Amino acid sequence: MLCLPSLLISLYPPLPCRIPAHRLVLSASSAYFSAMFTGQLRESQQEEITLQEVSGDALNSLIQYCYTGAIEIREDTVETLLATACLLQLSTIVGACCNFLARQLHPSNCLGFSLFAEQQGCTALLKLATAYTCQHFQQVWKNQEFFMLDAAQLANLLRSDDLNVPNEQEVFHALMAWIQYDAEGRKRHIPELLALIKLPLLQPSFIVDHVEALCGGANECQQLVMEAFKWHLIPGRRSLISTSRTRPRKSTMGRLLAVGGMDGHKGAISIESYDPRLDKWTLLKNMPTRRLQFGVAVLEDKLIIVGGRDGLKTLNTVDSFDLNTMCWSTLVPPMGTPRHGLGVAFLEGPLYAVGGHDGWSYLNTVERWDPSARTWSYVAPMSAMRSTAGVAVLGGRLYVIGGRDGSVCHRTVECYDPHTNKWTLRAPMNQRRGCVGVGVLNGFLYALGGHDCPPSNPAVCRTDTVERYDPTTDTWTLIASLSVGRDAIGVSVLGDWLVALGGYDGIQYLKIVEQYDAETNEWTPIAPVNYSRAGACVVAIPNSFSNPASTTGGVALPSTSAANPSSPNNAIAASTSSSAVNVPVANNSTTV
């Protein structure tokens, strides 16, 4: 039956079209025709096949492609070609049309492209157009297509955490502009759409000045405003009111930097940058010299690198890395005591360097650096000597957790009050943890992994357990465990997630990175770092800083290659003539 000829008839206006073709050629090229002619459909017995709602010109071009392997795609034909190619399941042409249209994506037409792709069931183009819309949202919402969206389409857009905005105010302004375009007809949609704005992430003054005026007397809106004020007024209860509105959009989270660490050789000198919008790590810069077991903190637009060891000696020097110029400099004076395995944190202005090892002995001393005076001074020492302890700031206090003193690993916790210059003990952890990773999320302290083993046997007893400390009850609680037991984990917070990076499992240095969702009590993997790291310092920075290694613009295009891309029979010429969209496109052609 496949050897028989068929006559394809298109009834699509304005004129019917009759196209002679061979079933064998059509079946070999199109899954649609293969199913039609080799199955039990009635068309398999018919000599004339009528295709309803199919453009005759597009059908003729695609049938010729099945014979010749070549087709011309123009601005005035691409939409009908794509719609017909989707129906006939010609994946190569679908990909080529998507590529063609993707090159014409613009803030003024991307929403229309999304609607067209959805209507045609073209998932490839829909994905491209949606990604472009989210990436260029700040320009998209100022174009006419945005104001033509209905409430359901706008809600679908506002629901996305992929919107590329500097802050949530931008999204609120977009909503306001859409409402004001037809205030009388659209005001009834305010409650449902305002619920998609992350009001808790707006400043209280902005809520008072702009949001409350929009609410009027609507009870649903007032409840949303009250939720936002509770978020700001009672930080200790944020975990109880965690919703999709308290989860930041990816573009407002900033980026993570993973600095240095052990890598199984002499130690990593690279700095990698993580962009959550791309779920990708890229190389940012190298440190000027090799350092191990140092501390890192962020001061305005600079990374402050403190202490460590270079393989020969323990260091007391302090380096600064400018996140705008990507330049390194050395700060003076150095610390009073050389330290590696120390912890560092900024607290109410000054930077604290806590504990560590000076190359001879474990330390309980603490130094404080005043950024204004550029001087170091000692403050009250801890009650115990600690190296590789976790250090974090919570509630205006400096917490030091776990660590080791050369004989044992600690489970004790000390808390420093800068106003009294005194350390006090807090509830100990459930287990001892040396080389522990520590972070703060939503008013709680977290202690991740670590080891409890004597120096003579460092390859055992690495733990995958994680504990959470509640300062209001002075208690530790075990939560979901890590995927792999390890110590020397780099920890930071990105948005509403706690991130655990790298580490050492007793056998190898690790690349794995996972994030913790406190709402679900689950760890999930994200993109691994490019280089194995244990003891890396991980910090979060805003997206406003320059990053030559980061690529946040554009969207990936689907491949249009056929089975034999080099064959002239698989050539696809893409040219432009009359424009169907209001975006200039250069006259060019491509072959695949």
Protein backbone atom coordinates (compact mmCIF):
# COMPACT_ATOMS: atom_id res chain seq x y z
CA MET A 1 0.00 0.00 0.00
CA LEU A 2 2.89 2.39 0.67
CA CYS A 3 3.96 2.19 -2.97
CA LEU A 4 0.66 3.66 -4.16
CA PRO A 5 0.40 7.37 -4.96
CA SER A 6 -2.01 9.62 -3.10
CA LEU A 7 -3.57 12.99 -3.75
CA LEU A 8 -3.53 15.38 -0.81
CA ILE A 9 -6.28 17.99 -0.83
CA SER A 10 -6.26 21.11 1.33
CA LEU A 11 -9.55 22.98 1.67
CA TYR A 12 -7.96 25.87 3.57
CA PRO A 13 -9.14 29.21 2.15
CA PRO A 14 -8.79 31.17 0.02
CA LEU A 15 -8.28 28.43 -2.62
CA PRO A 16 -8.31 24.62 -2.40
CA CYS A 17 -5.04 22.90 -3.21
CA ARG A 18 -4.48 19.43 -4.73
CA ILE A 19 -0.98 17.95 -4.25
CA PRO A 20 0.13 14.60 -5.72
CA ALA A 21 2.56 12.63 -3.53
CA HIS A 22 3.82 9.11 -2.80
CA ARG A 23 2.78 7.42 0.42
CA LEU A 24 6.23 5.90 0.89
CA VAL A 25 7.93 9.30 0.78
CA LEU A 26 5.37 10.86 3.11
CA SER A 27 5.53 7.98 5.61
CA ALA A 28 9.33 8.05 5.68
CA SER A 29 9.36 11.77 6.42
CA SER A 30 6.36 12.27 8.71
CA ALA A 31 5.17 10.30 11.73
CA TYR A 32 1.71 11.74 11.05
CA PHE A 33 1.54 10.21 7.56
CA SER A 34 3.22 7.00 8.73
CA ALA A 35 0.44 6.45 11.26
CA MET A 36 -2.18 7.37 8.66
CA PHE A 37 -1.00 5.00 5.94
CA THR A 38 0.27 2.02 7.96
CA GLY A 39 -2.52 1.83 10.54
CA GLN A 40 -6.21 1.03 10.43
CA LEU A 41 -7.40 4.54 9.63
CA ARG A 42 -9.77 4.82 6.69
CA GLU A 43 -7.31 7.14 4.94
CA SER A 44 -5.00 4.15 4.47
CA GLN A 45 -7.50 2.85 1.88
CA GLN A 46 -8.23 6.16 0.18
CA GLU A 47 -6.51 7.58 -2.88
CA GLU A 48 -7.51 11.15 -2.06
CA ILE A 49 -6.78 12.50 1.43
CA THR A 50 -8.53 15.68 2.52
CA LEU A 51 -6.79 17.76 5.19
CA GLN A 52 -9.04 20.28 6.90
CA GLU A 53 -7.76 23.65 8.19
CA VAL A 54 -4.32 23.16 6.63
CA SER A 55 -2.73 25.90 4.53
CA GLY A 56 -2.35 24.71 0.95
CA ASP A 57 0.81 26.76 0.40
CA ALA A 58 2.40 25.47 3.62
CA LEU A 59 1.36 21.90 2.84
CA ASN A 60 2.83 22.13 -0.65
CA SER A 61 6.13 23.51 0.71
CA LEU A 62 6.37 20.74 3.29
CA ILE A 63 5.58 18.00 0.76
CA GLN A 64 8.33 19.39 -1.47
CA TYR A 65 10.64 19.30 1.54
CA CYS A 66 9.86 15.60 2.00
CA TYR A 67 11.18 15.04 -1.53
CA THR A 68 14.07 17.52 -1.71
CA GLY A 69 15.15 18.10 1.88
CA ALA A 70 15.09 21.87 1.31
CA ILE A 71 12.60 24.56 2.26
CA GLU A 72 12.52 28.35 2.44
CA ILE A 73 11.31 29.95 5.66
CA ARG A 74 10.23 33.58 5.44
CA GLU A 75 8.64 36.02 7.84
CA ASP A 76 5.37 35.91 5.95
CA THR A 77 5.21 32.09 5.91
CA VAL A 78 6.88 30.95 9.13
CA GLU A 79 3.73 30.85 11.27
CA THR A 80 1.70 28.75 8.83
CA LEU A 81 4.71 26.50 8.19
CA LEU A 82 5.17 25.97 11.91
CA ALA A 83 1.50 25.21 12.51
CA THR A 84 1.42 22.71 9.65
CA ALA A 85 4.77 21.14 10.57
CA CYS A 86 3.49 20.61 14.13
CA LEU A 87 0.43 18.82 12.75
CA LEU A 88 2.50 16.65 10.39
CA GLN A 89 5.12 16.00 13.11
CA LEU A 90 8.04 17.21 11.00
CA SER A 91 10.38 17.86 13.91
CA THR A 92 13.23 19.25 11.82
CA ILE A 93 10.99 21.94 10.32
CA VAL A 94 9.44 22.67 13.70
CA GLY A 95 12.91 23.26 15.12
CA ALA A 96 13.93 25.43 12.17
CA CYS A 97 10.80 27.56 12.48
CA CYS A 98 11.36 27.92 16.23
CA ASN A 99 14.92 29.05 15.57
CA PHE A 100 13.68 31.54 13.00
CA LEU A 101 11.05 32.97 15.33
CA ALA A 102 13.39 32.96 18.33
CA ARG A 103 15.73 35.32 16.48
CA GLN A 104 12.82 37.74 16.18
CA LEU A 105 11.75 37.62 19.83
CA HIS A 106 11.40 41.11 21.25
CA PRO A 107 9.73 42.59 24.34
CA SER A 108 6.97 43.89 22.07
CA ASN A 109 6.04 40.50 20.55
CA CYS A 110 7.14 37.69 22.90
CA LEU A 111 3.73 37.43 24.59
CA GLY A 112 2.06 37.03 21.21
CA PHE A 113 4.58 34.35 20.28
CA SER A 114 3.76 32.52 23.51
CA LEU A 115 0.04 32.61 22.76
CA PHE A 116 0.60 31.40 19.20
CA ALA A 117 2.86 28.56 20.39
CA GLU A 118 0.29 27.50 22.99
CA GLN A 119 -2.49 27.48 20.40
CA GLN A 120 -0.40 25.34 18.05
CA GLY A 121 0.80 23.00 20.77
CA CYS A 122 4.41 23.89 19.92
CA THR A 123 6.18 23.30 23.22
CA ALA A 124 9.63 24.23 21.88
CA LEU A 125 8.58 27.73 20.84
CA LEU A 126 6.44 28.15 23.95
CA LYS A 127 9.43 27.37 26.14
CA LEU A 128 11.63 29.83 24.25
CA ALA A 129 9.07 32.63 24.27
CA THR A 130 8.24 32.12 27.95
CA ALA A 131 11.91 32.18 28.92
CA TYR A 132 12.43 35.35 26.86
CA THR A 133 9.39 37.00 28.45
CA CYS A 134 10.64 36.25 31.96
CA GLN A 135 14.19 37.35 31.16
CA HIS A 136 13.05 40.70 29.68
CA PHE A 137 10.03 41.28 31.91
CA GLN A 138 11.09 44.83 32.80
CA GLN A 139 10.69 45.80 29.12
CA VAL A 140 7.80 43.44 28.33
CA TRP A 141 5.34 45.00 30.78
CA LYS A 142 5.81 48.42 29.17
CA ASN A 143 4.63 47.21 25.73
CA GLN A 144 1.11 47.00 24.30
CA GLU A 145 0.88 43.19 24.30
CA PHE A 146 1.17 43.16 28.09
CA PHE A 147 -1.90 45.39 28.50
CA MET A 148 -3.89 43.10 26.18
CA LEU A 149 -3.46 40.08 28.46
CA ASP A 150 -6.55 38.83 30.21
CA ALA A 151 -6.54 38.27 33.98
CA ALA A 152 -5.80 34.54 33.71
CA GLN A 153 -2.84 35.10 31.37
CA LEU A 154 -1.44 37.82 33.61
CA ALA A 155 -1.85 35.60 36.67
CA ASN A 156 0.12 32.85 34.96
CA LEU A 157 2.93 35.33 34.28
CA LEU A 158 2.99 36.86 37.77
CA ARG A 159 3.05 33.38 39.29
CA SER A 160 6.49 32.68 37.82
CA ASP A 161 9.53 32.94 40.08
CA ASP A 162 11.65 33.25 36.92
CA LEU A 163 10.68 36.90 36.31
CA ASN A 164 13.93 38.81 35.96
CA VAL A 165 13.35 41.84 38.18
CA PRO A 166 15.60 43.78 40.57
CA ASN A 167 12.95 43.69 43.30
CA GLU A 168 9.29 42.92 43.92
CA GLN A 169 8.36 46.58 43.50
CA GLU A 170 8.89 46.14 39.76
CA VAL A 171 6.26 43.39 39.63
CA PHE A 172 3.81 45.49 41.65
CA HIS A 173 4.28 48.44 39.28
CA ALA A 174 3.58 46.13 36.32
CA LEU A 175 0.33 44.97 37.95
CA MET A 176 -0.70 48.56 38.66
CA ALA A 177 -0.08 49.55 35.03
CA TRP A 178 -2.21 46.64 33.79
CA ILE A 179 -5.08 47.56 36.13
CA GLN A 180 -4.95 51.26 35.26
CA TYR A 181 -5.17 50.45 31.53
CA ASP A 182 -8.84 49.56 32.14
CA ALA A 183 -9.45 50.40 35.79
CA GLU A 184 -13.22 50.00 35.71
CA GLY A 185 -13.16 46.64 33.99
CA ARG A 186 -10.19 45.20 35.84
CA LYS A 187 -10.57 46.32 39.45
CA ARG A 188 -12.56 43.15 40.24
CA HIS A 189 -9.39 41.13 39.57
CA ILE A 190 -7.28 43.01 42.14
CA PRO A 191 -7.62 40.49 45.04
CA GLU A 192 -6.67 37.44 42.98
CA LEU A 193 -3.75 39.21 41.27
CA LEU A 194 -2.46 40.99 44.37
CA ALA A 195 -2.16 37.55 45.98
CA LEU A 196 0.54 36.79 43.39
CA ILE A 197 2.67 39.76 44.46
CA LYS A 198 5.18 38.87 47.16
CA LEU A 199 4.04 41.60 49.54
CA PRO A 200 6.17 40.41 52.51
CA LEU A 201 9.25 41.10 50.40
CA LEU A 202 8.28 44.75 49.90
CA GLN A 203 9.47 47.42 52.32
CA PRO A 204 6.81 48.37 54.92
CA SER A 205 6.94 52.00 53.78
CA PHE A 206 6.19 50.93 50.20
CA ILE A 207 3.23 48.86 51.39
CA VAL A 208 1.82 51.84 53.29
CA ASP A 209 2.40 54.32 50.45
CA HIS A 210 1.29 52.20 47.49
CA VAL A 211 -0.31 48.86 48.32
CA GLU A 212 -2.86 49.92 50.93
CA ALA A 213 -4.30 52.50 48.55
CA LEU A 214 -4.96 49.73 46.03
CA CYS A 215 -6.73 47.53 48.56
CA GLY A 216 -9.67 49.78 49.29
CA GLY A 217 -12.07 47.92 51.55
CA ALA A 218 -11.49 44.47 50.07
CA ASN A 219 -11.10 42.01 52.94
CA GLU A 220 -8.90 39.62 50.90
CA CYS A 221 -6.46 42.43 50.14
CA GLN A 222 -6.35 43.60 53.75
CA GLN A 223 -5.45 40.07 54.84
CA LEU A 224 -2.56 40.05 52.37
CA VAL A 225 -1.28 43.35 53.76
CA MET A 226 -1.57 42.06 57.33
CA GLU A 227 0.43 38.96 56.38
CA ALA A 228 3.18 41.20 55.00
CA PHE A 229 3.32 43.33 58.15
CA LYS A 230 3.49 40.22 60.35
CA TRP A 231 6.45 39.02 58.30
CA HIS A 232 8.31 42.24 59.06
CA LEU A 233 7.21 42.73 62.67
CA ILE A 234 7.73 39.19 63.98
CA PRO A 235 10.84 37.71 62.29
CA GLY A 236 10.93 34.83 64.76
CA ARG A 237 7.62 33.50 63.42
CA ARG A 238 8.48 33.65 59.74
CA SER A 239 8.67 29.88 59.48
CA LEU A 240 5.02 29.73 60.55
CA ILE A 241 3.80 32.05 57.79
CA SER A 242 6.00 30.78 54.98
CA THR A 243 4.07 30.82 51.69
CA SER A 244 4.78 31.30 47.99
CA ARG A 245 4.64 35.05 48.72
CA THR A 246 7.60 34.83 51.10
CA ARG A 247 9.76 32.89 48.63
CA PRO A 248 11.90 35.33 46.61
CA ARG A 249 11.99 35.31 42.84
CA LYS A 250 15.24 33.89 41.50
CA SER A 251 16.52 37.21 40.15
CA THR A 252 16.19 38.89 43.57
CA MET A 253 18.11 36.18 45.42
CA GLY A 254 21.48 37.36 44.17
CA ARG A 255 24.30 34.92 43.52
CA LEU A 256 26.52 32.61 45.50
CA LEU A 257 30.29 32.72 45.49
CA ALA A 258 32.32 29.65 46.42
CA VAL A 259 35.82 30.74 47.40
CA GLY A 260 38.82 28.39 47.60
CA GLY A 261 38.85 25.18 49.62
CA MET A 262 40.72 21.87 49.57
CA ASP A 263 40.60 20.09 46.22
CA GLY A 264 42.76 16.99 46.66
CA HIS A 265 45.87 18.73 45.34
CA LYS A 266 47.45 21.85 46.79
CA GLY A 267 44.16 23.61 47.38
CA ALA A 268 41.75 25.49 45.14
CA ILE A 269 42.47 29.13 44.30
CA SER A 270 39.40 29.66 42.13
CA ILE A 271 36.19 31.52 42.90
CA GLU A 272 33.02 30.18 41.31
CA SER A 273 29.76 32.09 40.91
CA TYR A 274 26.30 30.48 40.97
CA ASP A 275 23.31 32.01 39.19
CA PRO A 276 20.03 30.41 40.35
CA ARG A 277 18.27 31.62 37.19
CA LEU A 278 20.50 29.37 35.11
CA ASP A 279 21.30 26.78 37.79
CA LYS A 280 24.90 27.09 36.70
CA TRP A 281 28.33 27.68 38.23
CA THR A 282 30.90 29.74 36.31
CA LEU A 283 34.50 30.66 37.07
CA LEU A 284 34.67 34.23 38.35
CA LYS A 285 38.28 34.87 39.36
CA ASN A 286 41.30 33.28 41.01
CA MET A 287 42.76 34.31 44.33
CA PRO A 288 46.21 35.93 43.98
CA THR A 289 47.83 33.40 46.33
CA ARG A 290 46.91 29.99 47.66
CA ARG A 291 45.07 29.96 51.00
CA LEU A 292 43.51 27.13 52.96
CA GLN A 293 41.20 27.23 55.99
CA PHE A 294 40.62 30.97 55.80
CA GLY A 295 37.52 33.04 56.52
CA VAL A 296 35.43 35.18 54.15
CA ALA A 297 32.85 37.89 54.83
CA VAL A 298 31.14 40.49 52.64
CA LEU A 299 31.57 44.21 53.36
CA GLU A 300 29.49 46.36 50.99
CA ASP A 301 31.00 45.64 47.54
CA LYS A 302 34.03 43.70 48.76
CA LEU A 303 34.96 40.22 49.87
CA ILE A 304 37.20 40.25 52.94
CA ILE A 305 39.56 37.23 53.03
CA VAL A 306 40.98 36.65 56.50
CA GLY A 307 43.88 34.47 57.68
CA GLY A 308 44.32 30.86 56.59
CA ARG A 309 47.49 29.01 55.69
CA ASP A 310 49.51 28.87 52.49
CA GLY A 311 50.98 25.39 52.94
CA LEU A 312 54.09 26.65 54.74
CA LYS A 313 52.83 28.95 57.46
CA THR A 314 49.68 30.24 59.11
CA LEU A 315 48.68 33.72 57.93
CA ASN A 316 47.51 36.85 59.70
CA THR A 317 47.05 38.88 56.51
CA VAL A 318 43.74 40.21 55.21
CA ASP A 319 42.95 40.59 51.50
CA SER A 320 40.09 42.42 49.83
CA PHE A 321 38.40 41.54 46.53
CA ASP A 322 36.40 44.31 44.85
CA LEU A 323 33.27 42.80 43.29
CA ASN A 324 32.91 45.68 40.84
CA THR A 325 36.46 46.01 39.53
CA MET A 326 37.43 42.35 40.11
CA CYS A 327 40.71 43.56 41.65
CA TRP A 328 42.57 42.29 44.71
CA SER A 329 44.25 44.39 47.40
CA THR A 330 45.78 43.80 50.83
CA LEU A 331 44.32 45.46 53.91
CA VAL A 332 46.53 46.75 56.70
CA PRO A 333 47.20 46.17 59.46
CA PRO A 334 47.06 42.35 59.66
CA MET A 335 45.49 40.47 62.58
CA GLY A 336 47.41 40.32 65.83
CA THR A 337 47.48 36.50 65.70
CA PRO A 338 47.97 34.24 62.66
CA ARG A 339 44.94 31.96 62.33
CA HIS A 340 43.78 29.10 60.14
CA GLY A 341 40.58 27.15 60.74
CA LEU A 342 39.03 30.36 62.07
CA GLY A 343 35.49 31.65 61.71
CA VAL A 344 34.60 35.20 60.69
CA ALA A 345 31.43 37.31 60.69
CA PHE A 346 30.36 40.94 60.68
CA LEU A 347 28.30 42.00 63.71
CA GLU A 348 26.92 45.53 64.03
CA GLY A 349 29.77 46.99 61.98
CA PRO A 350 33.01 45.29 63.13
CA LEU A 351 34.38 42.03 61.73
CA TYR A 352 35.15 39.26 64.22
CA ALA A 353 37.86 36.63 63.71
CA VAL A 354 37.17 33.73 66.05
CA GLY A 355 39.44 30.95 67.30
CA GLY A 356 41.38 28.77 64.89
CA HIS A 357 44.94 27.48 65.04
CA ASP A 358 48.12 29.57 64.93
CA GLY A 359 50.39 26.82 63.60
CA TRP A 360 51.37 25.71 67.11
CA SER A 361 48.26 25.55 69.21
CA TYR A 362 44.48 25.79 69.16
CA LEU A 363 43.05 29.20 70.02
CA ASN A 364 40.23 30.60 72.10
CA THR A 365 41.11 34.22 71.37
CA VAL A 366 38.90 36.53 69.34
CA GLU A 367 39.88 39.67 67.42
CA ARG A 368 37.68 42.47 66.17
CA TRP A 369 38.38 44.66 63.14
CA ASP A 370 36.91 48.15 62.91
CA PRO A 371 36.38 48.98 59.19
CA SER A 372 36.34 52.73 59.88
CA ALA A 373 39.49 52.91 61.99
CA ARG A 374 41.15 50.01 60.13
CA THR A 375 42.42 48.57 63.41
CA TRP A 376 42.32 45.16 65.11
CA SER A 377 41.70 44.69 68.82
CA TYR A 378 41.14 41.69 71.07
CA VAL A 379 37.82 41.06 72.79
CA ALA A 380 36.88 38.55 75.49
CA PRO A 381 38.13 35.03 74.72
CA MET A 382 35.87 32.00 74.41
CA SER A 383 35.68 29.48 77.22
CA ALA A 384 37.08 26.72 74.99
CA MET A 385 39.76 26.50 72.32
CA ARG A 386 38.11 25.93 68.95
CA SER A 387 39.29 25.41 65.40
CA THR A 388 37.01 24.57 62.44
CA ALA A 389 34.01 25.77 64.45
CA GLY A 390 30.93 27.24 62.82
CA VAL A 391 30.41 30.99 63.29
CA ALA A 392 27.19 32.90 62.60
CA VAL A 393 25.25 35.99 63.66
CA LEU A 394 21.68 35.74 64.94
CA GLY A 395 19.62 38.25 66.88
CA GLY A 396 22.50 40.68 67.42
CA ARG A 397 24.73 37.95 68.91
CA LEU A 398 27.75 36.04 67.64
CA TYR A 399 27.37 32.26 67.89
CA VAL A 400 30.28 29.81 67.80
CA ILE A 401 29.27 26.18 67.34
CA GLY A 402 31.24 22.97 67.70
CA GLY A 403 34.80 22.75 66.39
CA ARG A 404 37.77 20.87 67.81
CA ASP A 405 40.58 21.58 70.27
CA GLY A 406 43.13 18.94 69.25
CA SER A 407 41.85 16.33 71.68
CA VAL A 408 38.11 16.18 71.11
CA CYS A 409 35.40 17.65 68.94
CA HIS A 410 32.92 19.92 70.68
CA ARG A 411 29.15 19.93 70.78
CA THR A 412 29.06 23.04 72.94
CA VAL A 413 27.80 26.42 71.75
CA GLU A 414 28.95 29.84 72.91
CA CYS A 415 27.22 33.17 72.34
CA TYR A 416 28.94 36.59 72.39
CA ASP A 417 27.19 39.84 73.31
CA PRO A 418 29.13 42.80 71.86
CA HIS A 419 27.51 45.22 74.30
CA THR A 420 28.72 43.39 77.41
CA ASN A 421 31.84 41.82 75.87
CA LYS A 422 30.87 38.48 77.42
CA TRP A 423 30.45 34.91 76.21
CA THR A 424 27.67 32.69 77.53
CA LEU A 425 26.99 29.01 76.94
CA ARG A 426 23.89 27.94 75.07
CA ALA A 427 22.31 24.50 74.78
CA PRO A 428 24.78 22.02 73.28
CA MET A 429 24.11 20.19 70.04
CA ASN A 430 22.96 16.58 70.03
CA GLN A 431 26.36 15.40 68.81
CA ARG A 432 29.95 16.57 68.56
CA ARG A 433 30.88 18.25 65.31
CA GLY A 434 34.30 19.31 64.09
CA CYS A 435 34.60 20.99 60.67
CA VAL A 436 30.91 21.80 60.98
CA GLY A 437 29.01 23.93 58.47
CA VAL A 438 26.76 26.60 59.97
CA GLY A 439 24.11 28.90 58.52
CA VAL A 440 21.16 31.08 59.57
CA LEU A 441 17.74 30.86 57.92
CA ASN A 442 14.50 32.52 59.06
CA GLY A 443 15.61 33.06 62.65
CA PHE A 444 17.15 29.62 63.20
CA LEU A 445 20.73 28.36 63.35
CA TYR A 446 21.63 25.24 61.37
CA ALA A 447 24.60 22.93 61.99
CA LEU A 448 25.43 20.69 59.02
CA GLY A 449 27.54 17.55 58.89
CA GLY A 450 30.99 17.52 60.45
CA HIS A 451 32.95 14.76 62.15
CA ASP A 452 33.52 13.36 65.61
CA CYS A 453 36.82 11.55 65.45
CA PRO A 454 40.29 11.79 66.97
CA PRO A 455 43.10 13.20 64.80
CA SER A 456 44.62 9.70 64.46
CA ASN A 457 41.56 8.43 62.59
CA PRO A 458 40.21 11.25 60.41
CA ALA A 459 38.53 9.02 57.80
CA VAL A 460 35.62 7.85 59.96
CA CYS A 461 32.59 9.23 61.74
CA ARG A 462 31.59 11.86 59.20
CA THR A 463 27.93 12.56 59.65
CA ASP A 464 25.04 13.42 57.37
CA THR A 465 22.88 14.75 60.19
CA VAL A 466 21.66 18.34 60.45
CA GLU A 467 20.46 20.16 63.57
CA ARG A 468 18.41 23.33 63.93
CA TYR A 469 18.69 25.69 66.89
CA ASP A 470 15.75 27.77 68.08
CA PRO A 471 17.05 30.76 70.11
CA THR A 472 13.62 31.38 71.65
CA THR A 473 13.58 27.96 73.34
CA ASP A 474 17.36 27.33 73.47
CA THR A 475 16.90 23.88 71.94
CA TRP A 476 18.41 21.84 69.11
CA THR A 477 16.26 19.63 66.85
CA LEU A 478 17.37 17.09 64.27
CA ILE A 479 15.94 17.73 60.80
CA ALA A 480 16.29 16.06 57.38
CA SER A 481 19.76 14.64 56.76
CA LEU A 482 22.12 15.48 53.93
CA SER A 483 22.42 13.11 50.98
CA VAL A 484 26.02 12.24 51.89
CA GLY A 485 27.82 12.28 55.23
CA ARG A 486 30.66 14.78 55.08
CA ASP A 487 32.54 17.54 56.88
CA ALA A 488 34.00 20.89 55.79
CA ILE A 489 30.74 21.91 54.10
CA GLY A 490 30.41 25.43 52.74
CA VAL A 491 27.08 26.92 53.88
CA SER A 492 25.15 30.00 52.83
CA VAL A 493 21.59 31.21 52.31
CA LEU A 494 20.19 31.97 48.87
CA GLY A 495 16.68 33.35 48.87
CA ASP A 496 14.60 31.08 51.08
CA TRP A 497 16.96 28.13 50.92
CA LEU A 498 19.94 26.94 52.90
CA VAL A 499 22.71 25.79 50.56
CA ALA A 500 25.31 23.12 51.43
CA LEU A 501 28.31 22.99 49.11
CA GLY A 502 31.08 20.43 48.68
CA GLY A 503 32.85 18.83 51.62
CA TYR A 504 34.94 15.72 52.30
CA ASP A 505 33.39 12.29 52.84
CA GLY A 506 36.56 10.59 54.12
CA ILE A 507 37.53 9.35 50.67
CA GLN A 508 37.18 12.21 48.22
CA TYR A 509 36.59 15.92 47.95
CA LEU A 510 33.10 16.62 46.65
CA LYS A 511 31.42 18.77 44.02
CA ILE A 512 27.85 18.19 45.19
CA VAL A 513 25.59 21.10 46.12
CA GLU A 514 22.17 20.73 47.71
CA GLN A 515 19.60 23.16 49.06
CA TYR A 516 17.26 22.85 52.02
CA ASP A 517 13.63 23.93 51.99
CA ALA A 518 12.53 24.57 55.57
CA GLU A 519 8.88 24.48 54.57
CA THR A 520 9.07 20.90 53.26
CA ASN A 521 12.06 19.77 55.38
CA GLU A 522 13.74 18.41 52.25
CA TRP A 523 17.16 18.61 50.64
CA THR A 524 17.29 18.73 46.84
CA PRO A 525 20.35 18.79 44.56
CA ILE A 526 21.25 21.78 42.41
CA ALA A 527 24.06 22.17 39.89
CA PRO A 528 27.40 20.91 41.25
CA VAL A 529 30.44 23.16 41.38
CA ASN A 530 33.00 22.73 38.61
CA TYR A 531 35.84 21.95 41.02
CA SER A 532 35.84 19.65 44.04
CA ARG A 533 35.95 21.69 47.26
CA ALA A 534 36.06 21.02 50.98
CA GLY A 535 36.18 23.90 53.41
CA ALA A 536 35.16 26.41 50.75
CA CYS A 537 33.84 29.73 52.00
CA VAL A 538 30.39 30.40 50.51
CA VAL A 539 28.75 33.83 50.56
CA ALA A 540 25.73 35.42 48.89
CA ILE A 541 26.01 38.70 46.97
CA PRO A 542 23.45 40.85 45.09
CA ASN A 543 23.11 40.63 41.31
CA SER A 544 23.99 44.32 41.07
CA PHE A 545 27.69 43.53 41.17
CA SER A 546 29.46 42.98 37.86
CA ASN A 547 30.20 39.43 36.86
CA PRO A 548 32.07 38.92 33.58
CA ALA A 549 31.63 35.17 33.84
CA SER A 550 27.87 35.27 34.24
CA THR A 551 25.51 34.99 31.29
CA THR A 552 21.97 35.91 32.17
CA GLY A 553 20.67 37.13 28.85
CA GLY A 554 19.19 35.24 25.95
CA VAL A 555 17.63 31.84 25.63
CA ALA A 556 18.97 28.63 24.17
CA LEU A 557 17.79 27.68 20.70
CA PRO A 558 16.68 24.16 19.86
CA SER A 559 18.76 22.11 17.50
CA THR A 560 17.51 21.88 13.92
CA SER A 561 20.03 19.32 12.75
CA ALA A 562 18.73 16.37 10.79
CA ALA A 563 20.10 12.85 10.71
CA ASN A 564 22.88 13.95 8.36
CA PRO A 565 23.45 17.67 8.84
CA SER A 566 26.20 17.83 6.24
CA SER A 567 24.00 16.49 3.44
CA PRO A 568 22.82 19.09 0.89
CA ASN A 569 19.44 17.37 0.91
CA ASN A 570 18.94 18.59 4.48
CA ALA A 571 19.55 22.26 3.74
CA ILE A 572 17.09 24.79 5.18
CA ALA A 573 17.39 28.33 3.84
CA ALA A 574 16.13 31.00 6.24
CA SER A 575 15.55 34.32 4.52
CA THR A 576 13.51 37.39 5.37
CA SER A 577 11.22 39.35 3.13
CA SER A 578 7.94 40.97 4.17
CA SER A 579 7.84 41.29 7.94
CA ALA A 580 4.96 39.87 9.97
CA VAL A 581 6.30 41.17 13.29
CA ASN A 582 7.46 44.61 14.24
CA VAL A 583 11.11 43.69 14.71
CA PRO A 584 13.80 44.25 12.05
CA VAL A 585 15.68 41.11 11.06
CA ALA A 586 18.81 41.02 8.95
CA ASN A 587 18.56 39.30 5.57
CA ASN A 588 20.45 36.08 5.96
CA SER A 589 20.27 32.37 5.35
CA THR A 590 21.39 29.33 7.27
CA THR A 591 21.92 25.70 6.41
CA VAL A 592 21.70 22.71 8.68
